[in-house]
C-alpha cells in the first residue's frame, strides 16, 4: 500500500511497485486494471506500458 500526497507521484510509485513485485515473485507484470481515472491515462504511463508490454484494462469510473 502506498500513501500518496498528490496524484502526480503515481507514475514513480507504480514503477517502484512493479520492480518490487517482479523481484519478489520472479514473474512479470502483464496487465494493469484500474478505474479509468486520469492518473493512469497519460503519456508517461502509455509509453512505459508499451515498452514493458503491459496491457491496460480500464473499468467504468466510480464503480466498485
C-alpha atoms as a PDB file:
ATOM      1  CA  UNK A   1       0.000   0.000   0.000  1.00  0.00           C
ATOM      2  CA  UNK A   2       1.299   3.400  -0.942  1.00  0.00           C
ATOM      3  CA  UNK A   3       0.025   6.627   0.586  1.00  0.00           C
ATOM      4  CA  UNK A   4       0.283   9.412  -1.968  1.00  0.00           C
ATOM      5  CA  UNK A   5       0.080  13.110  -1.178  1.00  0.00           C
ATOM      6  CA  UNK A   6      -0.814  14.023  -4.757  1.00  0.00           C
ATOM      7  CA  UNK A   7      -1.733  12.152  -7.919  1.00  0.00           C
ATOM      8  CA  UNK A   8       1.341  13.377  -9.774  1.00  0.00           C
ATOM      9  CA  UNK A   9       3.526  10.836  -7.919  1.00  0.00           C
ATOM     10  CA  UNK A  10       1.514   7.824  -9.124  1.00  0.00           C
ATOM     11  CA  UNK A  11       3.828   7.054 -12.035  1.00  0.00           C
ATOM     12  CA  UNK A  12       7.037   6.926  -9.972  1.00  0.00           C
ATOM     13  CA  UNK A  13       5.348   4.864  -7.257  1.00  0.00           C
ATOM     14  CA  UNK A  14       3.949   2.446  -9.829  1.00  0.00           C
ATOM     15  CA  UNK A  15       7.432   1.860 -11.249  1.00  0.00           C
ATOM     16  CA  UNK A  16       8.728   1.148  -7.707  1.00  0.00           C
ATOM     17  CA  UNK A  17       5.803  -1.198  -7.059  1.00  0.00           C
ATOM     18  CA  UNK A  18       6.338  -3.033 -10.358  1.00  0.00           C
ATOM     19  CA  UNK A  19      10.029  -3.572  -9.610  1.00  0.00           C
ATOM     20  CA  UNK A  20       9.281  -4.837  -6.098  1.00  0.00           C
ATOM     21  CA  UNK A  21       6.587  -7.259  -7.279  1.00  0.00           C
ATOM     22  CA  UNK A  22       8.743  -8.651 -10.069  1.00  0.00           C
ATOM     23  CA  UNK A  23      11.760  -9.178  -7.820  1.00  0.00           C
ATOM     24  CA  UNK A  24       9.749 -10.875  -5.075  1.00  0.00           C
ATOM     25  CA  UNK A  25       7.620 -13.075  -7.318  1.00  0.00           C
ATOM     26  CA  UNK A  26      10.131 -13.617 -10.156  1.00  0.00           C
ATOM     27  CA  UNK A  27       7.250 -13.001 -12.567  1.00  0.00           C
ATOM     28  CA  UNK A  28       6.472 -10.063 -14.825  1.00  0.00           C
ATOM     29  CA  UNK A  29       3.546  -7.657 -14.555  1.00  0.00           C
ATOM     30  CA  UNK A  30       1.418  -8.323 -17.634  1.00  0.00           C
ATOM     31  CA  UNK A  31      -1.816  -6.409 -17.026  1.00  0.00           C
ATOM     32  CA  UNK A  32      -2.919  -3.373 -15.043  1.00  0.00           C
ATOM     33  CA  UNK A  33      -6.607  -2.946 -14.311  1.00  0.00           C
ATOM     34  CA  UNK A  34      -7.721   0.427 -13.000  1.00  0.00           C
ATOM     35  CA  UNK A  35     -10.813   2.558 -12.579  1.00  0.00           C
ATOM     36  CA  UNK A  36     -10.147   4.726 -15.669  1.00  0.00           C
ATOM     37  CA  UNK A  37      -9.145   7.756 -13.613  1.00  0.00           C
ATOM     38  CA  UNK A  38      -6.779  10.288 -15.174  1.00  0.00           C
ATOM     39  CA  UNK A  39      -3.687   9.423 -13.108  1.00  0.00           C
ATOM     40  CA  UNK A  40      -3.221   6.262 -15.218  1.00  0.00           C
ATOM     41  CA  UNK A  41      -4.108   7.882 -18.548  1.00  0.00           C
ATOM     42  CA  UNK A  42      -1.159   9.991 -19.623  1.00  0.00           C
ATOM     43  CA  UNK A  43       1.817   9.871 -21.984  1.00  0.00           C
ATOM     44  CA  UNK A  44       4.430   8.615 -19.475  1.00  0.00           C
ATOM     45  CA  UNK A  45       2.223   5.669 -18.475  1.00  0.00           C
ATOM     46  CA  UNK A  46       1.290   4.909 -22.082  1.00  0.00           C
ATOM     47  CA  UNK A  47       4.941   4.882 -23.177  1.00  0.00           C
ATOM     48  CA  UNK A  48       6.028   2.830 -20.166  1.00  0.00           C
ATOM     49  CA  UNK A  49       3.297   0.237 -20.752  1.00  0.00           C
ATOM     50  CA  UNK A  50       4.182  -0.007 -24.434  1.00  0.00           C
ATOM     51  CA  UNK A  51       7.890  -0.531 -23.704  1.00  0.00           C
ATOM     52  CA  UNK A  52       7.218  -3.023 -20.891  1.00  0.00           C
ATOM     53  CA  UNK A  53       4.470  -4.880 -22.786  1.00  0.00           C
ATOM     54  CA  UNK A  54       1.830  -4.237 -20.110  1.00  0.00           C
ATOM     55  CA  UNK A  55      -1.820  -4.356 -21.194  1.00  0.00           C
ATOM     56  CA  UNK A  56      -4.155  -1.770 -19.649  1.00  0.00           C
ATOM     57  CA  UNK A  57      -7.742  -2.621 -18.720  1.00  0.00           C
ATOM     58  CA  UNK A  58      -9.942   0.322 -17.797  1.00  0.00           C
ATOM     59  CA  UNK A  59     -13.221  -0.124 -15.937  1.00  0.00           C
ATOM     60  CA  UNK A  60     -16.002   2.438 -15.600  1.00  0.00           C
ATOM     61  CA  UNK A  61     -15.120   5.294 -13.250  1.00  0.00           C
ATOM     62  CA  UNK A  62     -16.545   5.342  -9.711  1.00  0.00           C
ATOM     63  CA  UNK A  63     -17.706   1.719  -9.742  1.00  0.00           C
ATOM     64  CA  UNK A  64     -16.587  -0.963  -7.282  1.00  0.00           C
END
